[in-house]
């Protein structure tokens, strides 16, 4: 899990108007991989960004992201993987832009839903994990 938080403050003249603004925001991301046994693995990723402000006049609503995937090691050389990016179609940008004499709202929903399937072949011998390689190198020295 990782996260960020911030606080910003502005006081001054903007578009010939005295303006005082302060805002806070935060975001966090998390990802996990699970070994399910018998060559199966699962992974999940999630992110959340609080509503906030990109400028003195441009604000946005919270942004949510969610992905997941699964893979199956078929044998020593082949692995099949399926990955779904934003399968619940949550990722969207809802924003407002406003000034002294205007206000505009937008809602963008891009084509963020993606499904990937891949089949990977590993050439060469069986790969050793990092610990096994380190022990082997220590014996050679």
Protein backbone atom coordinates (compact mmCIF):
# COMPACT_ATOMS: atom_id res chain seq x y z
CA UNK A 1 0.00 0.00 0.00
CA UNK A 2 1.29 3.45 -0.84
CA UNK A 3 -0.31 6.82 -0.40
CA UNK A 4 0.09 10.56 -0.72
CA UNK A 5 -1.55 13.51 1.01
CA UNK A 6 -1.19 17.26 0.52
CA UNK A 7 -2.43 20.65 1.69
CA UNK A 8 -2.36 23.80 -0.48
CA UNK A 9 -3.26 27.40 0.27
CA UNK A 10 -3.61 30.49 -1.92
CA UNK A 11 -4.55 34.04 -1.04
CA UNK A 12 -4.29 36.81 -3.58
CA UNK A 13 -5.75 38.47 -6.67
CA UNK A 14 -6.97 36.18 -9.43
CA UNK A 15 -8.81 37.59 -12.48
CA UNK A 16 -9.08 40.97 -10.72
CA UNK A 17 -10.85 39.36 -7.75
CA UNK A 18 -9.41 38.78 -4.28
CA UNK A 19 -9.44 35.03 -3.78
CA UNK A 20 -8.66 32.86 -0.79
CA UNK A 21 -8.52 29.10 -1.36
CA UNK A 22 -7.25 26.16 0.60
CA UNK A 23 -7.62 22.49 -0.17
CA UNK A 24 -6.38 19.07 0.81
CA UNK A 25 -6.24 15.83 -1.08
CA UNK A 26 -4.99 12.30 -0.82
CA UNK A 27 -4.56 9.17 -2.86
CA UNK A 28 -3.59 5.59 -2.23
CA UNK A 29 -2.72 2.53 -4.28
CA UNK A 30 -2.55 -1.10 -3.33
CA UNK A 31 -1.61 -4.25 -5.15
CA UNK A 32 -1.31 -7.88 -4.09
CA UNK A 33 -0.30 -11.17 -5.65
CA UNK A 34 -1.53 -14.49 -4.38
CA UNK A 35 -0.09 -17.93 -5.07
CA UNK A 36 -3.11 -20.23 -5.25
CA UNK A 37 -1.17 -23.46 -5.78
CA UNK A 38 -0.98 -25.92 -8.68
CA UNK A 39 0.55 -23.23 -10.92
CA UNK A 40 -2.24 -20.68 -10.38
CA UNK A 41 -1.60 -17.07 -9.34
CA UNK A 42 -3.95 -14.12 -8.87
CA UNK A 43 -3.26 -10.39 -8.64
CA UNK A 44 -5.36 -7.37 -7.77
CA UNK A 45 -4.72 -3.63 -7.99
CA UNK A 46 -6.78 -0.75 -6.64
CA UNK A 47 -6.36 3.02 -6.51
CA UNK A 48 -8.30 5.93 -5.11
CA UNK A 49 -7.71 9.66 -5.53
CA UNK A 50 -9.82 12.02 -3.46
CA UNK A 51 -11.61 14.89 -5.07
CA UNK A 52 -9.40 17.89 -5.34
CA UNK A 53 -8.26 20.90 -7.26
CA UNK A 54 -5.88 21.16 -10.21
CA UNK A 55 -5.89 24.95 -10.28
CA UNK A 56 -7.69 27.86 -8.69
CA UNK A 57 -10.70 27.33 -10.95
CA UNK A 58 -10.60 23.63 -11.85
CA UNK A 59 -11.85 21.01 -9.35
CA UNK A 60 -12.43 17.28 -9.78
CA UNK A 61 -14.42 14.51 -8.08
CA UNK A 62 -12.84 11.31 -6.66
CA UNK A 63 -11.22 8.90 -9.14
CA UNK A 64 -11.32 5.12 -8.58
CA UNK A 65 -9.41 2.37 -10.38
CA UNK A 66 -9.59 -1.43 -10.06
CA UNK A 67 -7.78 -4.19 -12.02
CA UNK A 68 -7.33 -7.91 -11.52
CA UNK A 69 -5.65 -10.83 -13.22
CA UNK A 70 -4.93 -14.53 -13.07
CA UNK A 71 -2.22 -16.74 -14.51
CA UNK A 72 -1.61 -20.47 -14.87
CA UNK A 73 1.82 -22.04 -15.34
CA UNK A 74 1.09 -24.78 -17.85
CA UNK A 75 4.54 -26.40 -17.72
CA UNK A 76 8.20 -25.38 -17.29
CA UNK A 77 8.08 -23.20 -20.43
CA UNK A 78 4.49 -21.98 -20.92
CA UNK A 79 2.33 -19.60 -18.88
CA UNK A 80 -1.18 -18.34 -19.72
CA UNK A 81 -2.31 -14.99 -18.28
CA UNK A 82 -5.60 -13.08 -18.27
CA UNK A 83 -5.77 -9.47 -17.06
CA UNK A 84 -8.81 -7.21 -16.72
CA UNK A 85 -8.23 -3.46 -16.51
CA UNK A 86 -11.15 -1.45 -15.06
CA UNK A 87 -13.65 -4.32 -15.53
CA UNK A 88 -16.32 -2.52 -13.47
CA UNK A 89 -15.90 0.65 -15.56
CA UNK A 90 -15.24 2.82 -12.50
CA UNK A 91 -12.50 5.08 -13.88
CA UNK A 92 -13.98 8.43 -14.89
CA UNK A 93 -13.03 12.08 -14.66
CA UNK A 94 -15.77 14.36 -13.36
CA UNK A 95 -14.63 17.96 -13.12
CA UNK A 96 -15.85 21.54 -12.83
CA UNK A 97 -14.25 24.73 -14.06
CA UNK A 98 -15.54 28.00 -12.73
CA UNK A 99 -14.70 31.67 -12.66
CA UNK A 100 -16.33 35.01 -11.88
CA UNK A 101 -18.91 34.86 -14.69
CA UNK A 102 -18.94 31.23 -15.79
CA UNK A 103 -19.18 27.63 -14.64
CA UNK A 104 -18.61 24.49 -16.73
CA UNK A 105 -18.86 20.80 -15.85
CA UNK A 106 -17.45 17.77 -17.63
CA UNK A 107 -17.68 14.01 -17.28
CA UNK A 108 -15.10 11.99 -19.24
CA UNK A 109 -15.34 8.23 -19.42
CA UNK A 110 -12.62 6.96 -21.73
CA UNK A 111 -12.33 3.42 -23.07
CA UNK A 112 -10.53 2.18 -19.96
CA UNK A 113 -12.08 -1.29 -19.92
CA UNK A 114 -9.52 -3.70 -21.35
CA UNK A 115 -9.19 -7.46 -21.25
CA UNK A 116 -5.88 -9.06 -22.15
CA UNK A 117 -4.96 -12.67 -22.68
CA UNK A 118 -1.36 -13.70 -23.21
CA UNK A 119 0.55 -16.92 -23.66
CA UNK A 120 4.23 -16.72 -22.71
CA UNK A 121 7.03 -19.12 -23.58
CA UNK A 122 10.28 -19.11 -21.58
CA UNK A 123 13.30 -20.28 -23.56
CA UNK A 124 16.28 -21.92 -21.93
CA UNK A 125 16.58 -23.80 -18.68
CA UNK A 126 14.48 -23.50 -15.57
CA UNK A 127 14.88 -20.12 -13.88
CA UNK A 128 16.20 -20.20 -10.33
CA UNK A 129 14.92 -17.85 -7.69
CA UNK A 130 17.15 -15.06 -6.32
CA UNK A 131 17.95 -16.85 -3.03
CA UNK A 132 19.01 -20.04 -4.80
CA UNK A 133 21.27 -18.06 -7.18
CA UNK A 134 22.85 -16.15 -4.27
CA UNK A 135 23.66 -19.36 -2.41
CA UNK A 136 25.14 -20.86 -5.56
CA UNK A 137 27.34 -17.78 -6.08
CA UNK A 138 28.51 -17.87 -2.46
CA UNK A 139 29.60 -21.53 -2.84
CA UNK A 140 31.63 -20.65 -5.96
CA UNK A 141 33.50 -17.86 -4.14
